[in-house]
């Protein structure tokens, strides 16, 4: 009986770990908890809500990321995504630019910006590097509170 329970538990863990979405780009990070405030967002019901959201695949997911240079030589990015949830998701995002050594280029434009995506719709985040020395980027998100 113990072996049967252990096998069932392991199967459930493998299914749920395998169903979690992975970032398609290592430099784009959609954090858990990015979403609208509702009954699922409070600290008591959040574990239950997260379980059902993961079960049915709700949330923000990354689509295509395009990176290139404009005619002036500045790095330009376009990150596309999709809101799988039926409700509006509100979050903030920040783009940080990286030089050839992977170090963050300090500038005034790396600030948290608000984003709102209605249910079952796509979105696009566009950004232009502040300097020509930028060769890569990271995009992070957090809850809009």
Protein backbone atom coordinates (compact mmCIF):
# COMPACT_ATOMS: atom_id res chain seq x y z
CA UNK A 1 0.00 0.00 0.00
CA UNK A 2 2.84 2.39 0.84
CA UNK A 3 4.48 1.63 -2.49
CA UNK A 4 1.24 2.34 -4.33
CA UNK A 5 0.83 5.69 -2.55
CA UNK A 6 4.46 6.60 -3.28
CA UNK A 7 4.01 5.78 -6.98
CA UNK A 8 0.78 7.84 -7.13
CA UNK A 9 2.46 10.81 -5.42
CA UNK A 10 5.46 10.61 -7.75
CA UNK A 11 3.17 10.46 -10.79
CA UNK A 12 1.23 13.53 -9.65
CA UNK A 13 4.47 15.45 -9.02
CA UNK A 14 5.85 14.52 -12.44
CA UNK A 15 2.63 15.58 -14.17
CA UNK A 16 2.49 18.97 -12.44
CA UNK A 17 6.21 19.67 -12.80
CA UNK A 18 6.04 18.76 -16.48
CA UNK A 19 3.00 20.98 -17.07
CA UNK A 20 4.62 24.15 -15.84
CA UNK A 21 5.49 26.60 -18.58
CA UNK A 22 9.15 27.33 -19.22
CA UNK A 23 10.59 30.58 -20.53
CA UNK A 24 11.36 30.26 -24.22
CA UNK A 25 14.12 32.83 -23.86
CA UNK A 26 16.39 32.70 -20.83
CA UNK A 27 16.41 36.51 -20.68
CA UNK A 28 12.60 36.90 -20.43
CA UNK A 29 11.18 36.08 -16.99
CA UNK A 30 7.44 36.03 -16.30
CA UNK A 31 7.25 35.62 -12.53
CA UNK A 32 4.56 33.60 -10.73
CA UNK A 33 1.91 35.83 -9.27
CA UNK A 34 1.76 38.14 -12.26
CA UNK A 35 -1.95 38.74 -12.60
CA UNK A 36 -4.99 40.67 -11.55
CA UNK A 37 -6.04 41.04 -7.91
CA UNK A 38 -9.04 38.91 -7.04
CA UNK A 39 -10.07 36.24 -4.54
CA UNK A 40 -7.34 33.96 -5.87
CA UNK A 41 -4.67 36.54 -5.06
CA UNK A 42 -5.03 36.59 -1.28
CA UNK A 43 -2.57 34.62 0.80
CA UNK A 44 -5.15 32.11 2.11
CA UNK A 45 -6.63 31.02 -1.22
CA UNK A 46 -3.53 31.58 -3.40
CA UNK A 47 -2.25 27.96 -3.16
CA UNK A 48 -5.65 26.61 -4.21
CA UNK A 49 -5.98 29.16 -7.00
CA UNK A 50 -2.43 28.47 -8.23
CA UNK A 51 -3.17 24.75 -8.29
CA UNK A 52 -6.28 25.19 -10.46
CA UNK A 53 -4.61 27.84 -12.67
CA UNK A 54 -1.69 25.47 -13.30
CA UNK A 55 -4.09 22.62 -13.90
CA UNK A 56 -5.98 24.46 -16.63
CA UNK A 57 -2.93 26.40 -17.91
CA UNK A 58 -3.91 29.99 -17.09
CA UNK A 59 -1.51 32.89 -16.94
CA UNK A 60 0.84 34.91 -19.08
CA UNK A 61 3.03 33.02 -21.50
CA UNK A 62 5.81 34.21 -23.73
CA UNK A 63 5.45 33.91 -27.47
CA UNK A 64 8.11 35.07 -29.89
CA UNK A 65 11.08 37.28 -28.99
CA UNK A 66 12.68 39.27 -31.80
CA UNK A 67 15.99 41.08 -31.27
CA UNK A 68 17.78 43.19 -33.86
CA UNK A 69 19.36 46.56 -34.57
CA UNK A 70 17.63 49.62 -35.98
CA UNK A 71 19.09 51.83 -38.72
CA UNK A 72 20.96 53.89 -36.10
CA UNK A 73 22.69 50.81 -34.63
CA UNK A 74 20.70 50.56 -31.38
CA UNK A 75 19.49 47.17 -30.14
CA UNK A 76 15.71 46.78 -30.54
CA UNK A 77 13.56 44.06 -28.95
CA UNK A 78 9.99 42.90 -29.43
CA UNK A 79 8.61 40.38 -26.93
CA UNK A 80 5.21 38.92 -27.79
CA UNK A 81 3.04 37.06 -25.33
CA UNK A 82 -0.43 35.72 -24.65
CA UNK A 83 -2.79 35.94 -21.67
CA UNK A 84 -4.30 32.46 -21.32
CA UNK A 85 -6.56 33.61 -18.49
CA UNK A 86 -10.14 34.73 -19.17
CA UNK A 87 -9.57 37.81 -16.97
CA UNK A 88 -7.37 40.86 -17.37
CA UNK A 89 -3.79 40.43 -16.15
CA UNK A 90 -1.98 43.48 -14.83
CA UNK A 91 1.75 43.43 -14.22
CA UNK A 92 4.85 45.58 -14.38
CA UNK A 93 7.91 44.88 -16.48
CA UNK A 94 11.45 46.21 -16.66
CA UNK A 95 14.01 45.83 -19.45
CA UNK A 96 17.68 45.92 -18.49
CA UNK A 97 20.33 46.18 -21.16
CA UNK A 98 23.57 44.17 -21.06
CA UNK A 99 26.99 44.87 -22.59
CA UNK A 100 29.38 42.34 -24.18
CA UNK A 101 30.57 41.22 -20.74
CA UNK A 102 27.00 40.58 -19.52
CA UNK A 103 27.09 43.57 -17.16
CA UNK A 104 24.01 45.76 -16.77
CA UNK A 105 24.27 49.11 -18.52
CA UNK A 106 23.05 51.72 -16.04
CA UNK A 107 20.54 54.19 -17.43
CA UNK A 108 17.41 56.10 -16.49
CA UNK A 109 15.14 54.11 -18.80
CA UNK A 110 15.36 50.83 -16.82
CA UNK A 111 12.26 51.43 -14.71
CA UNK A 112 9.18 49.33 -13.89
CA UNK A 113 6.48 50.03 -16.48
CA UNK A 114 2.81 48.99 -16.17
CA UNK A 115 1.18 46.55 -18.57
CA UNK A 116 -2.42 45.36 -18.78
CA UNK A 117 -3.57 42.49 -21.01
CA UNK A 118 -7.22 41.58 -21.42
CA UNK A 119 -8.27 37.94 -21.21
CA UNK A 120 -7.41 35.55 -24.03
CA UNK A 121 -5.46 38.24 -25.92
CA UNK A 122 -1.94 38.80 -27.18
CA UNK A 123 0.41 41.58 -26.13
CA UNK A 124 3.69 43.02 -27.32
CA UNK A 125 6.50 44.74 -25.44
CA UNK A 126 8.85 46.89 -27.54
CA UNK A 127 12.03 48.55 -26.32
CA UNK A 128 15.10 50.29 -27.75
CA UNK A 129 18.47 50.21 -26.00
CA UNK A 130 19.72 53.57 -24.67
CA UNK A 131 23.23 53.03 -26.04
CA UNK A 132 24.85 51.24 -28.98
CA UNK A 133 27.01 49.20 -26.57
CA UNK A 134 24.00 47.03 -25.61
CA UNK A 135 24.22 43.52 -27.08
CA UNK A 136 21.63 41.67 -24.98
CA UNK A 137 18.81 42.27 -22.51
CA UNK A 138 16.77 40.84 -19.67
CA UNK A 139 13.06 41.44 -19.18
CA UNK A 140 11.63 40.85 -15.71
CA UNK A 141 8.05 41.10 -14.47
CA UNK A 142 6.39 41.57 -11.10
CA UNK A 143 2.87 41.91 -9.78
CA UNK A 144 1.20 45.28 -10.24
CA UNK A 145 0.09 46.19 -6.74
